Amino acid sequence: MASPYYTTATIVRQALLKIDSGLDDSEINIFIAMAESTVEAITGTQAWRTSFNAEKWGIIRRLSTNMAAIMCMAYDVTEFTTTSQATLTADIIWAQIELDMTILKSVDVVKYLKSAS
């Protein structure tokens, strides 16, 4: 498995404070790889793999991070105190994922992101 390109296990842990402490970085990296390949499928490119510019491509990082975070949540939701707390967190993350995926479906947005930084 390739190293993460757009986000890291540390960033995912920061995005989701209630992450299962049993998940180590290598396991989170598996979720990150799945998230990043989804982002690449949506945008139709791997253009930003060689030199990731987090300032310009923040949406790529945010989407990859949120997708990996929600996979970590699904792994074990018992870190949350209540079901409603887990549900609310998942709903907020999922709303951001949907928004980012909608934005990245725009050919103009992807064209801009692929342009020289």
N, C-alpha and C. Protein backbone atom coordinates (compact mmCIF):
# COMPACT_ATOMS: atom_id res chain seq x y z
N MET A 1 0.84 -1.18 0.00
CA MET A 1 0.00 0.00 0.00
C MET A 1 0.89 1.25 0.00
N ALA A 2 0.52 2.21 -0.82
CA ALA A 2 1.27 3.45 -0.90
C ALA A 2 1.02 4.31 0.34
N SER A 3 1.96 5.17 0.61
CA SER A 3 1.80 6.11 1.73
C SER A 3 0.66 7.07 1.42
N PRO A 4 0.04 7.62 2.45
CA PRO A 4 -0.99 8.64 2.19
C PRO A 4 -0.38 9.84 1.46
N TYR A 5 -1.17 10.43 0.60
CA TYR A 5 -0.70 11.57 -0.18
C TYR A 5 -1.28 12.89 0.32
N TYR A 6 -2.55 12.88 0.76
CA TYR A 6 -3.26 14.13 1.01
C TYR A 6 -3.55 14.40 2.48
N THR A 7 -3.52 13.37 3.28
CA THR A 7 -3.80 13.53 4.70
C THR A 7 -2.93 12.54 5.47
N THR A 8 -2.99 12.60 6.77
CA THR A 8 -2.19 11.70 7.60
C THR A 8 -3.06 11.15 8.73
N ALA A 9 -2.58 10.11 9.37
CA ALA A 9 -3.30 9.55 10.52
C ALA A 9 -3.44 10.60 11.62
N THR A 10 -2.43 11.43 11.79
CA THR A 10 -2.49 12.49 12.81
C THR A 10 -3.62 13.47 12.51
N ILE A 11 -3.75 13.87 11.27
CA ILE A 11 -4.81 14.80 10.87
C ILE A 11 -6.18 14.15 11.06
N VAL A 12 -6.30 12.88 10.72
CA VAL A 12 -7.56 12.16 10.91
C VAL A 12 -7.90 12.10 12.39
N ARG A 13 -6.92 11.80 13.22
CA ARG A 13 -7.16 11.75 14.68
C ARG A 13 -7.62 13.12 15.20
N GLN A 14 -7.05 14.20 14.67
CA GLN A 14 -7.45 15.54 15.10
C GLN A 14 -8.87 15.87 14.64
N ALA A 15 -9.25 15.38 13.47
CA ALA A 15 -10.59 15.64 12.94
C ALA A 15 -11.65 14.90 13.72
N LEU A 16 -11.28 13.76 14.27
CA LEU A 16 -12.23 12.92 15.00
C LEU A 16 -11.63 12.59 16.35
N LEU A 17 -11.91 13.42 17.32
CA LEU A 17 -11.28 13.26 18.63
C LEU A 17 -11.65 11.96 19.33
N LYS A 18 -12.78 11.39 18.97
CA LYS A 18 -13.24 10.16 19.63
C LYS A 18 -12.90 8.95 18.75
N ILE A 19 -11.65 8.80 18.40
CA ILE A 19 -11.24 7.68 17.56
C ILE A 19 -10.82 6.50 18.44
N ASP A 20 -11.11 5.32 17.97
CA ASP A 20 -10.77 4.11 18.73
C ASP A 20 -9.26 4.08 19.00
N SER A 21 -8.91 4.04 20.26
CA SER A 21 -7.50 4.04 20.63
C SER A 21 -6.79 2.76 20.17
N GLY A 22 -7.56 1.74 19.81
CA GLY A 22 -6.97 0.50 19.31
C GLY A 22 -6.53 0.59 17.85
N LEU A 23 -6.94 1.63 17.15
CA LEU A 23 -6.54 1.82 15.76
C LEU A 23 -5.15 2.44 15.71
N ASP A 24 -4.20 1.74 15.12
CA ASP A 24 -2.87 2.35 14.99
C ASP A 24 -2.77 3.06 13.64
N ASP A 25 -1.69 3.77 13.44
CA ASP A 25 -1.53 4.57 12.22
C ASP A 25 -1.61 3.72 10.95
N SER A 26 -1.08 2.52 10.97
CA SER A 26 -1.11 1.69 9.76
C SER A 26 -2.55 1.30 9.40
N GLU A 27 -3.38 1.09 10.42
CA GLU A 27 -4.79 0.78 10.14
C GLU A 27 -5.53 2.02 9.63
N ILE A 28 -5.25 3.16 10.21
CA ILE A 28 -5.86 4.40 9.74
C ILE A 28 -5.40 4.69 8.31
N ASN A 29 -4.14 4.38 8.00
CA ASN A 29 -3.63 4.60 6.64
C ASN A 29 -4.37 3.76 5.61
N ILE A 30 -4.89 2.61 6.00
CA ILE A 30 -5.71 1.80 5.09
C ILE A 30 -6.99 2.57 4.75
N PHE A 31 -7.62 3.17 5.76
CA PHE A 31 -8.82 3.98 5.52
C PHE A 31 -8.48 5.20 4.67
N ILE A 32 -7.32 5.80 4.93
CA ILE A 32 -6.89 6.96 4.15
C ILE A 32 -6.70 6.57 2.68
N ALA A 33 -6.07 5.44 2.43
CA ALA A 33 -5.86 4.98 1.05
C ALA A 33 -7.19 4.79 0.33
N MET A 34 -8.17 4.22 1.02
CA MET A 34 -9.49 4.06 0.41
C MET A 34 -10.12 5.41 0.11
N ALA A 35 -10.00 6.34 1.06
CA ALA A 35 -10.56 7.68 0.87
C ALA A 35 -9.88 8.41 -0.29
N GLU A 36 -8.56 8.34 -0.31
CA GLU A 36 -7.83 9.05 -1.36
C GLU A 36 -8.11 8.47 -2.75
N SER A 37 -8.26 7.18 -2.85
CA SER A 37 -8.57 6.59 -4.16
C SER A 37 -9.98 7.00 -4.60
N THR A 38 -10.88 7.19 -3.65
CA THR A 38 -12.22 7.68 -3.98
C THR A 38 -12.16 9.11 -4.50
N VAL A 39 -11.36 9.95 -3.84
CA VAL A 39 -11.18 11.33 -4.30
C VAL A 39 -10.62 11.35 -5.71
N GLU A 40 -9.65 10.50 -5.97
CA GLU A 40 -9.05 10.44 -7.31
C GLU A 40 -10.05 9.95 -8.34
N ALA A 41 -10.94 9.04 -7.95
CA ALA A 41 -11.97 8.56 -8.87
C ALA A 41 -12.98 9.66 -9.19
N ILE A 42 -13.34 10.43 -8.17
CA ILE A 42 -14.30 11.53 -8.37
C ILE A 42 -13.72 12.60 -9.29
N THR A 43 -12.45 12.94 -9.06
CA THR A 43 -11.83 14.02 -9.84
C THR A 43 -11.22 13.53 -11.15
N GLY A 44 -11.01 12.22 -11.25
CA GLY A 44 -10.42 11.66 -12.47
C GLY A 44 -8.95 11.95 -12.61
N THR A 45 -8.26 12.23 -11.51
CA THR A 45 -6.84 12.55 -11.61
C THR A 45 -6.09 12.19 -10.33
N GLN A 46 -4.80 12.01 -10.50
CA GLN A 46 -3.87 11.86 -9.39
C GLN A 46 -2.84 12.99 -9.46
N ALA A 47 -3.22 14.07 -10.10
CA ALA A 47 -2.30 15.17 -10.41
C ALA A 47 -1.58 15.73 -9.20
N TRP A 48 -2.21 15.70 -8.05
CA TRP A 48 -1.61 16.34 -6.88
C TRP A 48 -0.76 15.41 -6.06
N ARG A 49 -0.53 14.19 -6.50
CA ARG A 49 0.27 13.24 -5.73
C ARG A 49 1.74 13.64 -5.62
N THR A 50 2.29 14.23 -6.65
CA THR A 50 3.72 14.49 -6.66
C THR A 50 4.14 15.63 -5.74
N SER A 51 3.35 16.69 -5.70
CA SER A 51 3.70 17.81 -4.82
C SER A 51 2.41 18.41 -4.28
N PHE A 52 1.95 17.88 -3.18
CA PHE A 52 0.67 18.31 -2.61
C PHE A 52 0.78 19.70 -2.01
N ASN A 53 -0.08 20.59 -2.46
CA ASN A 53 -0.14 21.97 -1.98
C ASN A 53 -1.40 22.09 -1.11
N ALA A 54 -1.25 21.94 0.19
CA ALA A 54 -2.39 21.93 1.11
C ALA A 54 -3.16 23.25 1.10
N GLU A 55 -2.47 24.33 0.78
CA GLU A 55 -3.14 25.62 0.72
C GLU A 55 -4.13 25.68 -0.44
N LYS A 56 -3.68 25.28 -1.61
CA LYS A 56 -4.55 25.31 -2.79
C LYS A 56 -5.53 24.15 -2.79
N TRP A 57 -5.09 23.01 -2.36
CA TRP A 57 -5.90 21.80 -2.46
C TRP A 57 -6.49 21.37 -1.12
N GLY A 58 -6.84 22.34 -0.29
CA GLY A 58 -7.41 22.05 1.02
C GLY A 58 -8.65 21.18 0.94
N ILE A 59 -9.45 21.36 -0.11
CA ILE A 59 -10.66 20.56 -0.26
C ILE A 59 -10.31 19.08 -0.42
N ILE A 60 -9.20 18.80 -1.08
CA ILE A 60 -8.77 17.41 -1.27
C ILE A 60 -8.38 16.82 0.08
N ARG A 61 -7.63 17.58 0.86
CA ARG A 61 -7.24 17.11 2.20
C ARG A 61 -8.47 16.93 3.08
N ARG A 62 -9.37 17.92 3.08
CA ARG A 62 -10.55 17.84 3.95
C ARG A 62 -11.42 16.64 3.59
N LEU A 63 -11.64 16.42 2.30
CA LEU A 63 -12.47 15.28 1.89
C LEU A 63 -11.81 13.97 2.25
N SER A 64 -10.53 13.83 1.98
CA SER A 64 -9.80 12.60 2.33
C SER A 64 -9.82 12.36 3.84
N THR A 65 -9.60 13.42 4.60
CA THR A 65 -9.59 13.31 6.05
C THR A 65 -10.96 12.91 6.58
N ASN A 66 -12.01 13.58 6.11
CA ASN A 66 -13.35 13.26 6.59
C ASN A 66 -13.80 11.87 6.20
N MET A 67 -13.45 11.44 4.99
CA MET A 67 -13.83 10.08 4.58
C MET A 67 -13.11 9.05 5.44
N ALA A 68 -11.84 9.26 5.71
CA ALA A 68 -11.10 8.34 6.57
C ALA A 68 -11.64 8.38 7.99
N ALA A 69 -12.01 9.57 8.47
CA ALA A 69 -12.53 9.71 9.83
C ALA A 69 -13.84 8.95 10.00
N ILE A 70 -14.71 9.04 9.01
CA ILE A 70 -15.99 8.34 9.13
C ILE A 70 -15.79 6.83 9.08
N MET A 71 -14.78 6.38 8.34
CA MET A 71 -14.46 4.94 8.34
C MET A 71 -13.93 4.51 9.70
N CYS A 72 -13.13 5.37 10.33
CA CYS A 72 -12.64 5.08 11.68
C CYS A 72 -13.79 5.01 12.67
N MET A 73 -14.76 5.90 12.51
CA MET A 73 -15.94 5.87 13.38
C MET A 73 -16.69 4.55 13.21
N ALA A 74 -16.86 4.14 11.97
CA ALA A 74 -17.60 2.91 11.70
C ALA A 74 -16.87 1.70 12.28
N TYR A 75 -15.57 1.78 12.37
CA TYR A 75 -14.76 0.70 12.93
C TYR A 75 -15.18 0.40 14.36
N ASP A 76 -15.42 1.47 15.15
CA ASP A 76 -15.83 1.27 16.53
C ASP A 76 -16.41 2.57 17.08
N VAL A 77 -17.73 2.60 17.22
CA VAL A 77 -18.40 3.81 17.73
C VAL A 77 -18.47 3.85 19.25
N THR A 78 -17.95 2.84 19.91
CA THR A 78 -18.06 2.80 21.37
C THR A 78 -17.22 3.87 22.07
N GLU A 79 -16.36 4.57 21.33
CA GLU A 79 -15.60 5.67 21.92
C GLU A 79 -16.51 6.85 22.26
N PHE A 80 -17.69 6.90 21.65
CA PHE A 80 -18.64 7.97 21.92
C PHE A 80 -19.46 7.63 23.15
N THR A 81 -19.79 8.65 23.93
CA THR A 81 -20.53 8.46 25.17
C THR A 81 -21.95 7.98 24.90
N THR A 82 -22.60 8.58 23.89
CA THR A 82 -23.97 8.21 23.57
C THR A 82 -24.12 7.96 22.08
N THR A 83 -25.18 7.26 21.74
CA THR A 83 -25.48 7.02 20.33
C THR A 83 -25.78 8.34 19.62
N SER A 84 -26.48 9.24 20.30
CA SER A 84 -26.82 10.51 19.66
C SER A 84 -25.57 11.35 19.40
N GLN A 85 -24.57 11.26 20.27
CA GLN A 85 -23.31 11.97 20.05
C GLN A 85 -22.61 11.41 18.81
N ALA A 86 -22.58 10.10 18.68
CA ALA A 86 -21.96 9.46 17.51
C ALA A 86 -22.73 9.81 16.24
N THR A 87 -24.05 9.79 16.32
CA THR A 87 -24.89 10.10 15.16
C THR A 87 -24.69 11.54 14.71
N LEU A 88 -24.68 12.46 15.64
CA LEU A 88 -24.49 13.87 15.30
C LEU A 88 -23.13 14.09 14.65
N THR A 89 -22.11 13.49 15.22
CA THR A 89 -20.76 13.61 14.65
C THR A 89 -20.72 13.05 13.24
N ALA A 90 -21.29 11.88 13.05
CA ALA A 90 -21.31 11.26 11.71
C ALA A 90 -22.10 12.12 10.73
N ASP A 91 -23.21 12.68 11.16
CA ASP A 91 -24.02 13.52 10.29
C ASP A 91 -23.26 14.77 9.85
N ILE A 92 -22.54 15.39 10.77
CA ILE A 92 -21.77 16.59 10.44
C ILE A 92 -20.66 16.25 9.45
N ILE A 93 -19.93 15.18 9.73
CA ILE A 93 -18.85 14.77 8.82
C ILE A 93 -19.42 14.40 7.46
N TRP A 94 -20.52 13.66 7.45
CA TRP A 94 -21.09 13.23 6.17
C TRP A 94 -21.59 14.42 5.35
N ALA A 95 -22.17 15.42 6.00
CA ALA A 95 -22.62 16.61 5.28
C ALA A 95 -21.45 17.31 4.58
N GLN A 96 -20.31 17.37 5.27
CA GLN A 96 -19.13 17.99 4.66
C GLN A 96 -18.61 17.14 3.50
N ILE A 97 -18.63 15.82 3.66
CA ILE A 97 -18.21 14.92 2.59
C ILE A 97 -19.08 15.13 1.35
N GLU A 98 -20.39 15.18 1.55
CA GLU A 98 -21.30 15.37 0.41
C GLU A 98 -21.06 16.71 -0.28
N LEU A 99 -20.86 17.76 0.51
CA LEU A 99 -20.59 19.08 -0.07
C LEU A 99 -19.30 19.06 -0.89
N ASP A 100 -18.25 18.49 -0.32
CA ASP A 100 -16.97 18.44 -1.03
C ASP A 100 -17.06 17.61 -2.30
N MET A 101 -17.77 16.48 -2.24
CA MET A 101 -17.90 15.65 -3.45
C MET A 101 -18.68 16.38 -4.52
N THR A 102 -19.69 17.13 -4.12
CA THR A 102 -20.46 17.91 -5.09
C THR A 102 -19.58 18.97 -5.74
N ILE A 103 -18.79 19.67 -4.94
CA ILE A 103 -17.89 20.69 -5.47
C ILE A 103 -16.89 20.07 -6.44
N LEU A 104 -16.34 18.90 -6.08
CA LEU A 104 -15.31 18.28 -6.91
C LEU A 104 -15.87 17.63 -8.18
N LYS A 105 -17.16 17.54 -8.30
CA LYS A 105 -17.75 17.02 -9.54
C LYS A 105 -17.73 18.08 -10.64
N SER A 106 -17.48 19.32 -10.26
CA SER A 106 -17.41 20.41 -11.23
C SER A 106 -16.12 20.31 -12.03
N VAL A 107 -16.26 20.26 -13.33
CA VAL A 107 -15.10 20.19 -14.22
C VAL A 107 -14.22 21.43 -14.04
N ASP A 108 -14.85 22.59 -13.86
CA ASP A 108 -14.09 23.84 -13.69
C ASP A 108 -13.26 23.83 -12.41
N VAL A 109 -13.82 23.30 -11.34
CA VAL A 109 -13.08 23.23 -10.08
C VAL A 109 -11.88 22.31 -10.23
N VAL A 110 -12.09 21.15 -10.80
CA VAL A 110 -10.98 20.19 -10.97
C VAL A 110 -9.93 20.77 -11.91
N LYS A 111 -10.37 21.46 -12.95
CA LYS A 111 -9.42 22.10 -13.88
C LYS A 111 -8.57 23.12 -13.13
N TYR A 112 -9.20 23.92 -12.26
CA TYR A 112 -8.46 24.89 -11.46
C TYR A 112 -7.48 24.18 -10.53
N LEU A 113 -7.94 23.14 -9.85
CA LEU A 113 -7.08 22.42 -8.91
C LEU A 113 -5.88 21.79 -9.62
N LYS A 114 -6.09 21.33 -10.85
CA LYS A 114 -5.00 20.69 -11.59
C LYS A 114 -4.03 21.69 -12.20
N SER A 115 -4.43 22.95 -12.27
CA SER A 115 -3.55 23.96 -12.86
C SER A 115 -2.34 24.18 -11.96
N ALA A 116 -1.32 24.77 -12.52
CA ALA A 116 -0.07 25.00 -11.76
C ALA A 116 -0.38 25.79 -10.50
N SER A 117 0.33 25.43 -9.44
CA SER A 117 0.10 26.12 -8.16
C SER A 117 0.88 27.35 -8.10
